[in-house]
Amino acid sequence: MAPDPLAILDVAALERQTGGDAGLRSEIVRMFLEDCPQRLDAMGGAIAVGDAAALTSAAHTLKGSAAYLKAATVRERAAELEGCAREGKLADAPVAFNRLREAVDELLPELQKLSR
């Protein structure tokens, strides 16, 4: 059976990515857990002041981190938000940001399980 393309976290793909190295996997997870709140804060601030460039940058960074982590839903939601910013559709950004936060809220417990 093929993996869900918008799975919250593809642990098997992450294992392949890290070559089964539990230490490397833990380091990747730790880095994401430390960086993600900062990126979300940056996005919220950028939306509040209408800074499309800052929003694009923060969303793009989180998108890349989520892709590396194999967190497809977060990657997709970050891409949506990045698209709003790139296209100058800042009026759509709050809804896209909320969708991203919801996906992150689903992802974090899964990451906590991996970091134990």
N, C-alpha and C. Protein backbone atom coordinates (compact mmCIF):
# COMPACT_ATOMS: atom_id res chain seq x y z
N MET A 1 0.85 -1.18 0.00
CA MET A 1 0.00 0.00 0.00
C MET A 1 0.89 1.24 0.00
N ALA A 2 0.57 2.19 -0.86
CA ALA A 2 1.36 3.43 -0.96
C ALA A 2 1.06 4.32 0.24
N PRO A 3 2.08 5.06 0.70
CA PRO A 3 1.84 5.96 1.83
C PRO A 3 0.91 7.10 1.44
N ASP A 4 0.18 7.60 2.40
CA ASP A 4 -0.70 8.75 2.21
C ASP A 4 0.17 9.94 1.84
N PRO A 5 -0.09 10.59 0.69
CA PRO A 5 0.76 11.71 0.29
C PRO A 5 0.69 12.90 1.25
N LEU A 6 -0.35 12.97 2.06
CA LEU A 6 -0.46 14.05 3.04
C LEU A 6 -0.47 13.49 4.46
N ALA A 7 0.33 12.46 4.67
CA ALA A 7 0.45 11.89 6.02
C ALA A 7 1.08 12.94 6.93
N ILE A 8 0.66 12.93 8.16
CA ILE A 8 1.20 13.90 9.10
C ILE A 8 2.70 13.66 9.29
N LEU A 9 3.11 12.39 9.29
CA LEU A 9 4.53 12.06 9.41
C LEU A 9 4.75 10.66 8.84
N ASP A 10 5.64 10.56 7.88
CA ASP A 10 5.98 9.27 7.28
C ASP A 10 7.24 8.76 7.97
N VAL A 11 7.03 8.02 9.04
CA VAL A 11 8.14 7.54 9.86
C VAL A 11 9.05 6.61 9.06
N ALA A 12 8.46 5.76 8.22
CA ALA A 12 9.28 4.84 7.41
C ALA A 12 10.19 5.62 6.47
N ALA A 13 9.67 6.65 5.85
CA ALA A 13 10.50 7.47 4.95
C ALA A 13 11.58 8.21 5.73
N LEU A 14 11.24 8.67 6.92
CA LEU A 14 12.24 9.33 7.77
C LEU A 14 13.34 8.35 8.15
N GLU A 15 12.96 7.13 8.45
CA GLU A 15 13.95 6.10 8.79
C GLU A 15 14.87 5.85 7.60
N ARG A 16 14.30 5.78 6.40
CA ARG A 16 15.13 5.60 5.20
C ARG A 16 16.05 6.80 5.01
N GLN A 17 15.51 7.99 5.22
CA GLN A 17 16.28 9.22 5.05
C GLN A 17 17.50 9.25 5.98
N THR A 18 17.33 8.74 7.17
CA THR A 18 18.41 8.77 8.16
C THR A 18 19.22 7.48 8.18
N GLY A 19 18.92 6.58 7.26
CA GLY A 19 19.64 5.32 7.21
C GLY A 19 19.45 4.48 8.47
N GLY A 20 18.34 4.67 9.15
CA GLY A 20 18.05 3.93 10.37
C GLY A 20 18.85 4.40 11.58
N ASP A 21 19.54 5.51 11.45
CA ASP A 21 20.36 6.04 12.54
C ASP A 21 19.47 6.79 13.53
N ALA A 22 19.21 6.17 14.68
CA ALA A 22 18.31 6.76 15.67
C ALA A 22 18.84 8.09 16.19
N GLY A 23 20.14 8.22 16.32
CA GLY A 23 20.71 9.48 16.79
C GLY A 23 20.48 10.61 15.80
N LEU A 24 20.68 10.32 14.53
CA LEU A 24 20.44 11.32 13.49
C LEU A 24 18.97 11.70 13.44
N ARG A 25 18.10 10.68 13.51
CA ARG A 25 16.66 10.95 13.51
C ARG A 25 16.29 11.85 14.69
N SER A 26 16.81 11.54 15.86
CA SER A 26 16.52 12.34 17.05
C SER A 26 17.01 13.77 16.89
N GLU A 27 18.17 13.94 16.27
CA GLU A 27 18.72 15.28 16.06
C GLU A 27 17.84 16.09 15.10
N ILE A 28 17.39 15.46 14.04
CA ILE A 28 16.51 16.13 13.08
C ILE A 28 15.20 16.54 13.76
N VAL A 29 14.65 15.64 14.53
CA VAL A 29 13.40 15.93 15.25
C VAL A 29 13.62 17.06 16.24
N ARG A 30 14.71 17.01 17.01
CA ARG A 30 15.01 18.05 17.99
C ARG A 30 15.14 19.42 17.32
N MET A 31 15.85 19.46 16.20
CA MET A 31 16.05 20.72 15.50
C MET A 31 14.71 21.29 15.02
N PHE A 32 13.84 20.42 14.51
CA PHE A 32 12.54 20.88 14.06
C PHE A 32 11.72 21.41 15.23
N LEU A 33 11.73 20.68 16.34
CA LEU A 33 10.96 21.09 17.52
C LEU A 33 11.44 22.43 18.06
N GLU A 34 12.73 22.71 17.95
CA GLU A 34 13.27 24.00 18.40
C GLU A 34 12.96 25.12 17.42
N ASP A 35 13.03 24.84 16.13
CA ASP A 35 12.90 25.87 15.11
C ASP A 35 11.45 26.21 14.77
N CYS A 36 10.58 25.23 14.80
CA CYS A 36 9.20 25.42 14.36
C CYS A 36 8.49 26.57 15.09
N PRO A 37 8.54 26.64 16.41
CA PRO A 37 7.85 27.75 17.08
C PRO A 37 8.37 29.12 16.65
N GLN A 38 9.66 29.22 16.41
CA GLN A 38 10.23 30.49 15.96
C GLN A 38 9.71 30.86 14.58
N ARG A 39 9.61 29.88 13.70
CA ARG A 39 9.09 30.14 12.35
C ARG A 39 7.62 30.55 12.42
N LEU A 40 6.83 29.86 13.26
CA LEU A 40 5.42 30.22 13.39
C LEU A 40 5.27 31.63 13.94
N ASP A 41 6.08 31.98 14.92
CA ASP A 41 6.04 33.35 15.46
C ASP A 41 6.38 34.37 14.38
N ALA A 42 7.40 34.06 13.58
CA ALA A 42 7.79 34.97 12.50
C ALA A 42 6.67 35.12 11.49
N MET A 43 5.99 34.03 11.18
CA MET A 43 4.88 34.10 10.23
C MET A 43 3.73 34.93 10.79
N GLY A 44 3.39 34.68 12.04
CA GLY A 44 2.31 35.45 12.67
C GLY A 44 2.63 36.93 12.69
N GLY A 45 3.86 37.27 13.02
CA GLY A 45 4.27 38.68 13.02
C GLY A 45 4.24 39.28 11.63
N ALA A 46 4.69 38.52 10.64
CA ALA A 46 4.69 39.01 9.26
C ALA A 46 3.27 39.25 8.77
N ILE A 47 2.36 38.36 9.13
CA ILE A 47 0.96 38.55 8.74
C ILE A 47 0.40 39.80 9.41
N ALA A 48 0.72 39.98 10.67
CA ALA A 48 0.19 41.12 11.43
C ALA A 48 0.59 42.46 10.83
N VAL A 49 1.81 42.53 10.29
CA VAL A 49 2.29 43.81 9.74
C VAL A 49 2.25 43.85 8.22
N GLY A 50 1.77 42.76 7.59
CA GLY A 50 1.66 42.74 6.14
C GLY A 50 2.99 42.63 5.41
N ASP A 51 3.94 41.93 6.00
CA ASP A 51 5.28 41.79 5.41
C ASP A 51 5.35 40.50 4.60
N ALA A 52 5.05 40.61 3.30
CA ALA A 52 5.01 39.44 2.43
C ALA A 52 6.38 38.78 2.31
N ALA A 53 7.44 39.56 2.27
CA ALA A 53 8.79 38.99 2.12
C ALA A 53 9.16 38.15 3.34
N ALA A 54 8.90 38.65 4.53
CA ALA A 54 9.21 37.89 5.75
C ALA A 54 8.34 36.65 5.85
N LEU A 55 7.08 36.77 5.44
CA LEU A 55 6.17 35.62 5.47
C LEU A 55 6.64 34.56 4.49
N THR A 56 7.02 34.98 3.30
CA THR A 56 7.53 34.04 2.30
C THR A 56 8.74 33.29 2.83
N SER A 57 9.67 34.02 3.42
CA SER A 57 10.90 33.42 3.93
C SER A 57 10.63 32.41 5.04
N ALA A 58 9.82 32.78 6.01
CA ALA A 58 9.54 31.89 7.13
C ALA A 58 8.77 30.66 6.68
N ALA A 59 7.79 30.85 5.81
CA ALA A 59 7.01 29.72 5.31
C ALA A 59 7.87 28.79 4.46
N HIS A 60 8.73 29.36 3.65
CA HIS A 60 9.62 28.56 2.81
C HIS A 60 10.58 27.73 3.67
N THR A 61 11.12 28.33 4.70
CA THR A 61 12.03 27.61 5.59
C THR A 61 11.32 26.45 6.29
N LEU A 62 10.12 26.71 6.81
CA LEU A 62 9.38 25.64 7.47
C LEU A 62 8.98 24.55 6.48
N LYS A 63 8.64 24.94 5.28
CA LYS A 63 8.29 23.98 4.23
C LYS A 63 9.46 23.02 3.98
N GLY A 64 10.66 23.57 3.87
CA GLY A 64 11.84 22.75 3.64
C GLY A 64 12.14 21.82 4.81
N SER A 65 12.00 22.33 6.01
CA SER A 65 12.24 21.51 7.20
C SER A 65 11.23 20.37 7.28
N ALA A 66 9.99 20.67 7.00
CA ALA A 66 8.94 19.64 7.04
C ALA A 66 9.16 18.60 5.95
N ALA A 67 9.61 19.03 4.79
CA ALA A 67 9.88 18.08 3.71
C ALA A 67 11.00 17.13 4.11
N TYR A 68 12.05 17.67 4.69
CA TYR A 68 13.18 16.83 5.12
C TYR A 68 12.75 15.86 6.20
N LEU A 69 11.85 16.32 7.06
CA LEU A 69 11.34 15.50 8.17
C LEU A 69 10.33 14.46 7.69
N LYS A 70 9.84 14.61 6.48
CA LYS A 70 8.82 13.73 5.89
C LYS A 70 7.45 13.98 6.52
N ALA A 71 7.18 15.24 6.83
CA ALA A 71 5.90 15.67 7.40
C ALA A 71 5.11 16.35 6.27
N ALA A 72 4.45 15.54 5.45
CA ALA A 72 3.84 16.02 4.22
C ALA A 72 2.75 17.07 4.43
N THR A 73 1.91 16.88 5.42
CA THR A 73 0.81 17.83 5.62
C THR A 73 1.34 19.20 6.01
N VAL A 74 2.30 19.24 6.91
CA VAL A 74 2.90 20.52 7.30
C VAL A 74 3.60 21.15 6.10
N ARG A 75 4.30 20.33 5.32
CA ARG A 75 4.97 20.85 4.13
C ARG A 75 3.96 21.48 3.17
N GLU A 76 2.86 20.79 2.93
CA GLU A 76 1.84 21.29 2.02
C GLU A 76 1.20 22.57 2.54
N ARG A 77 0.88 22.61 3.82
CA ARG A 77 0.26 23.82 4.39
C ARG A 77 1.23 25.01 4.37
N ALA A 78 2.52 24.74 4.63
CA ALA A 78 3.52 25.82 4.55
C ALA A 78 3.65 26.32 3.12
N ALA A 79 3.56 25.40 2.16
CA ALA A 79 3.62 25.79 0.74
C ALA A 79 2.42 26.67 0.38
N GLU A 80 1.25 26.34 0.91
CA GLU A 80 0.06 27.17 0.66
C GLU A 80 0.27 28.58 1.19
N LEU A 81 0.79 28.67 2.40
CA LEU A 81 1.03 29.99 3.00
C LEU A 81 2.10 30.74 2.23
N GLU A 82 3.14 30.06 1.84
CA GLU A 82 4.19 30.69 1.04
C GLU A 82 3.60 31.22 -0.27
N GLY A 83 2.70 30.45 -0.88
CA GLY A 83 2.06 30.89 -2.10
C GLY A 83 1.23 32.15 -1.91
N CYS A 84 0.50 32.21 -0.81
CA CYS A 84 -0.26 33.44 -0.50
C CYS A 84 0.67 34.65 -0.45
N ALA A 85 1.78 34.48 0.22
CA ALA A 85 2.73 35.59 0.38
C ALA A 85 3.37 35.95 -0.96
N ARG A 86 3.82 34.97 -1.71
CA ARG A 86 4.47 35.23 -3.01
C ARG A 86 3.53 35.92 -3.99
N GLU A 87 2.26 35.53 -3.93
CA GLU A 87 1.27 36.09 -4.85
C GLU A 87 0.67 37.39 -4.34
N GLY A 88 1.09 37.85 -3.17
CA GLY A 88 0.57 39.08 -2.61
C GLY A 88 -0.86 38.97 -2.11
N LYS A 89 -1.29 37.76 -1.80
CA LYS A 89 -2.65 37.53 -1.32
C LYS A 89 -2.64 37.46 0.21
N LEU A 90 -2.21 38.54 0.83
CA LEU A 90 -2.09 38.55 2.29
C LEU A 90 -3.43 38.45 2.99
N ALA A 91 -4.50 38.79 2.31
CA ALA A 91 -5.83 38.64 2.91
C ALA A 91 -6.16 37.17 3.13
N ASP A 92 -5.56 36.28 2.33
CA ASP A 92 -5.78 34.84 2.47
C ASP A 92 -4.83 34.21 3.49
N ALA A 93 -3.82 34.93 3.88
CA ALA A 93 -2.77 34.38 4.73
C ALA A 93 -3.26 33.92 6.11
N PRO A 94 -4.15 34.65 6.79
CA PRO A 94 -4.58 34.18 8.11
C PRO A 94 -5.24 32.79 8.07
N VAL A 95 -6.05 32.52 7.07
CA VAL A 95 -6.70 31.22 6.97
C VAL A 95 -5.64 30.14 6.69
N ALA A 96 -4.73 30.42 5.77
CA ALA A 96 -3.66 29.46 5.45
C ALA A 96 -2.77 29.24 6.67
N PHE A 97 -2.52 30.29 7.42
CA PHE A 97 -1.69 30.18 8.62
C PHE A 97 -2.37 29.30 9.66
N ASN A 98 -3.68 29.47 9.84
CA ASN A 98 -4.42 28.63 10.79
C ASN A 98 -4.39 27.17 10.37
N ARG A 99 -4.49 26.91 9.07
CA ARG A 99 -4.40 25.53 8.58
C ARG A 99 -3.02 24.95 8.86
N LEU A 100 -2.00 25.76 8.70
CA LEU A 100 -0.63 25.32 8.99
C LEU A 100 -0.48 25.02 10.47
N ARG A 101 -0.97 25.91 11.32
CA ARG A 101 -0.87 25.68 12.76
C ARG A 101 -1.60 24.40 13.18
N GLU A 102 -2.75 24.14 12.59
CA GLU A 102 -3.48 22.91 12.89
C GLU A 102 -2.65 21.68 12.51
N ALA A 103 -2.01 21.73 11.36
CA ALA A 103 -1.16 20.61 10.92
C ALA A 103 0.03 20.44 11.86
N VAL A 104 0.63 21.55 12.27
CA VAL A 104 1.74 21.48 13.21
C VAL A 104 1.26 20.89 14.54
N ASP A 105 0.08 21.31 14.98
CA ASP A 105 -0.46 20.78 16.23
C ASP A 105 -0.68 19.26 16.16
N GLU A 106 -1.00 18.75 14.98
CA GLU A 106 -1.12 17.30 14.80
C GLU A 106 0.25 16.62 14.77
N LEU A 107 1.22 17.30 14.20
CA LEU A 107 2.55 16.72 14.04
C LEU A 107 3.33 16.64 15.35
N LEU A 108 3.23 17.65 16.17
CA LEU A 108 4.08 17.72 17.36
C LEU A 108 3.98 16.49 18.27
N PRO A 109 2.78 15.96 18.56
CA PRO A 109 2.73 14.76 19.41
C PRO A 109 3.44 13.56 18.76
N GLU A 110 3.37 13.47 17.44
CA GLU A 110 4.06 12.38 16.74
C GLU A 110 5.57 12.52 16.89
N LEU A 111 6.05 13.76 16.81
CA LEU A 111 7.48 14.01 16.97
C LEU A 111 7.92 13.75 18.40
N GLN A 112 7.07 14.11 19.35
CA GLN A 112 7.40 13.85 20.75
C GLN A 112 7.58 12.36 21.00
N LYS A 113 6.75 11.55 20.36
CA LYS A 113 6.89 10.08 20.49
C LYS A 113 8.26 9.63 19.98
N LEU A 114 8.71 10.22 18.88
CA LEU A 114 10.00 9.83 18.30
C LEU A 114 11.19 10.31 19.13
N SER A 115 10.98 11.37 19.87
CA SER A 115 12.11 11.94 20.62
C SER A 115 12.29 11.29 21.98
N ARG A 116 11.45 10.37 22.35
CA ARG A 116 11.55 9.70 23.65
C ARG A 116 12.62 8.63 23.63
